[in-house]
Protein backbone atom coordinates (compact mmCIF):
# COMPACT_ATOMS: atom_id res chain seq x y z
CA MET A 1 28.98 10.93 4.33
CA LYS A 2 25.66 8.95 3.79
CA THR A 3 22.80 11.24 3.42
CA LYS A 4 18.90 10.97 4.40
CA GLU A 5 18.34 10.23 0.37
CA TYR A 6 20.69 7.50 0.13
CA TYR A 7 18.69 5.76 2.90
CA PHE A 8 15.09 6.43 0.91
CA GLU A 9 16.36 4.83 -2.02
CA LEU A 10 17.23 1.45 0.08
CA PHE A 11 13.49 0.92 0.47
CA ARG A 12 12.59 -2.17 -1.89
CA THR A 13 9.49 -0.44 -3.02
CA THR A 14 8.63 3.10 -4.89
CA LYS A 15 5.74 3.21 -3.26
CA ALA A 16 8.06 2.44 0.35
CA ARG A 17 10.92 4.80 -0.66
CA ALA A 18 8.17 8.12 -1.09
CA LEU A 19 6.63 6.60 2.33
CA ALA A 20 10.13 7.47 3.60
CA ARG A 21 10.40 10.55 2.48
CA SER A 22 6.70 11.44 3.57
CA ILE A 23 7.50 10.22 7.03
CA ASP A 24 10.59 12.08 7.17
CA GLU A 25 8.39 15.03 5.46
CA TYR A 26 5.85 14.72 8.71
CA ILE A 27 8.06 14.21 11.29
CA TYR A 28 9.75 17.56 10.44
CA HIS A 29 7.28 19.67 9.28
CA ASN A 30 3.42 18.66 10.11
CA SER A 31 3.64 16.53 13.24
CA PRO A 32 2.63 18.57 16.42
CA TYR A 33 6.05 18.07 17.93
CA SER A 34 7.76 18.76 14.77
CA ALA A 35 9.62 22.24 16.16
CA GLU A 36 10.81 19.36 18.94
CA VAL A 37 12.38 17.22 16.94
CA GLU A 38 15.91 16.77 15.41
CA ASP A 39 18.34 14.85 13.80
CA TYR A 40 20.04 12.43 15.85
CA HIS A 41 22.85 11.39 13.94
CA GLU A 42 23.71 15.59 13.60
CA SER A 43 23.25 15.99 16.88
CA ARG A 44 25.09 12.90 18.67
CA LYS A 45 27.67 11.87 16.46
CA ASN A 46 28.69 14.66 14.01
CA GLY A 47 26.84 13.98 11.29
CA GLN A 48 28.25 10.32 10.71
CA ARG A 49 25.03 8.21 9.92
CA THR A 50 25.93 4.36 10.91
CA ASP A 51 22.67 2.37 9.29
CA CYS A 52 20.03 4.77 9.82
CA ILE A 53 18.09 8.12 9.55
CA GLY A 54 17.35 8.55 13.57
CA TYR A 55 14.75 10.95 15.09
CA ILE A 56 15.22 12.30 18.79
CA SER A 57 13.48 15.33 20.25
CA LYS A 58 15.25 17.94 21.75
CA GLU A 59 14.57 17.06 25.10
CA GLY A 60 15.97 13.96 25.21
CA LEU A 61 18.49 11.65 24.15
CA TYR A 62 16.71 9.05 22.76
CA LYS A 63 15.15 7.97 19.01
CA PHE A 64 12.08 7.43 19.07
CA VAL A 65 12.00 6.37 15.32
CA SER A 66 14.47 5.27 12.92
CA LEU A 67 14.12 4.50 9.43
CA THR A 68 16.96 1.92 8.70
CA SER A 69 18.76 -0.19 6.49
CA ALA A 70 18.77 -2.58 9.08
CA ARG A 71 16.39 -5.80 9.83
CA LYS A 72 16.31 -5.64 5.67
CA THR A 73 15.04 -1.80 5.49
CA CYS A 74 12.41 -0.80 7.47
CA LEU A 75 11.28 1.75 10.13
CA VAL A 76 11.86 0.98 13.75
CA LEU A 77 9.34 2.68 16.42
CA HIS A 78 12.12 3.11 19.63
CA LEU A 79 9.69 2.89 22.87
CA GLY A 80 12.32 2.03 25.39
CA LYS A 81 13.83 -1.34 26.27
CA LYS A 82 13.88 0.09 30.40
CA LEU A 83 10.00 1.27 30.54
CA HIS A 84 8.01 0.14 27.93
CA THR A 85 9.25 -3.32 26.40
CA ASP A 86 5.46 -4.87 27.59
CA THR A 87 3.70 -1.42 25.44
CA ALA A 88 6.05 -2.16 22.28
CA VAL A 89 4.73 -5.81 22.22
CA GLU A 90 1.49 -4.66 22.39
CA MET A 91 2.11 -1.81 20.02
CA GLN A 92 4.12 -4.63 17.03
CA GLU A 93 0.62 -7.27 17.52
CA LYS A 94 -1.48 -3.69 16.76
CA ILE A 95 0.31 -2.81 13.63
CA ASP A 96 0.38 -6.46 12.92
CA ARG A 97 -2.99 -6.85 12.58
CA LEU A 98 -3.41 -3.09 10.72
CA LEU A 99 -1.11 -4.19 7.93
CA ASN A 100 -2.16 -7.86 8.12
CA LYS A 101 1.12 -9.43 8.01
CA LYS A 102 3.30 -10.06 11.14
CA TYR A 103 6.79 -8.26 10.85
CA ILE A 104 8.41 -11.18 12.55
CA ASP A 105 7.84 -13.59 9.64
CA SER A 106 9.96 -11.42 7.54
CA ASP A 107 13.16 -11.09 9.88
CA SER A 108 14.67 -14.29 11.27
CA ILE A 109 16.62 -11.05 13.95
CA LYS A 110 15.29 -11.65 17.57
CA LEU A 111 13.55 -8.32 18.44
CA THR A 112 14.71 -6.22 20.40
CA PRO A 113 12.63 -5.36 23.80
CA GLY A 114 11.13 -1.87 23.60
CA GLU A 115 10.92 -1.64 19.94
CA ALA A 116 8.47 -2.07 17.06
CA TYR A 117 8.61 -2.77 13.63
CA ILE A 118 6.60 -1.94 10.39
CA ARG A 119 8.00 -2.97 6.81
CA LEU A 120 6.96 -0.04 4.84
CA GLU A 121 5.94 -1.96 1.75
CA TRP A 122 3.31 -3.12 3.20
CA VAL A 123 2.02 0.32 4.58
CA ASP A 124 -0.83 2.02 1.79
CA ASN A 125 -0.54 5.42 3.06
CA LEU A 126 0.94 7.44 5.94
CA ASP A 127 -2.12 8.31 7.95
CA GLN A 128 -1.86 4.11 8.61
CA ILE A 129 0.79 4.55 11.00
CA ILE A 130 1.12 8.60 11.72
CA PRO A 131 -0.90 6.98 15.57
CA PHE A 132 2.44 4.84 15.77
CA ILE A 133 5.34 7.26 15.70
CA ASP A 134 3.57 9.56 17.31
CA GLU A 135 3.27 7.44 20.11
CA ALA A 136 6.45 6.43 19.88
CA TYR A 137 7.48 10.13 20.13
CA TYR A 138 5.39 10.64 23.49
CA LEU A 139 6.50 7.66 25.37
CA ARG A 140 10.38 8.82 24.43
CA LEU A 141 9.57 12.11 25.33
CA ASP A 142 8.13 10.49 28.75
CA HIS A 143 11.37 8.63 29.37
CA ALA A 144 13.87 11.96 29.17
CA VAL A 145 11.45 13.92 31.84
CA ILE A 146 11.61 10.79 33.73
CA LYS A 147 15.24 10.65 33.62
């Protein structure tokens, strides 16, 4: 069984690995919604991880963030294809401007509608990306409530 540590270690740099751990710590212990978050694979897949650590709200069915080995290892913000495809495009543009790099230049695979991506090796500190993580959580929660 692949542990969280397995996925943290897949990130390319020491800084990115530390940031991945900090994201996990933030989501479970320091975010305003920490008491509402659970591990997607623990609650939905009997603990079996495929390619990521997935985070979901206890109120919803959908991941809002993944630390994934897919796409050359990155953070995925799952906003939702059905309701937030345009929002994800706008968010990706904001992230790209903030990090002064275009994610698409690092990934030849077509982007999934409703998702935004962050290469952790491009991030200086967690505070830069917390607003995006939080927004992903609340957008997914809105989707869960609508459904």
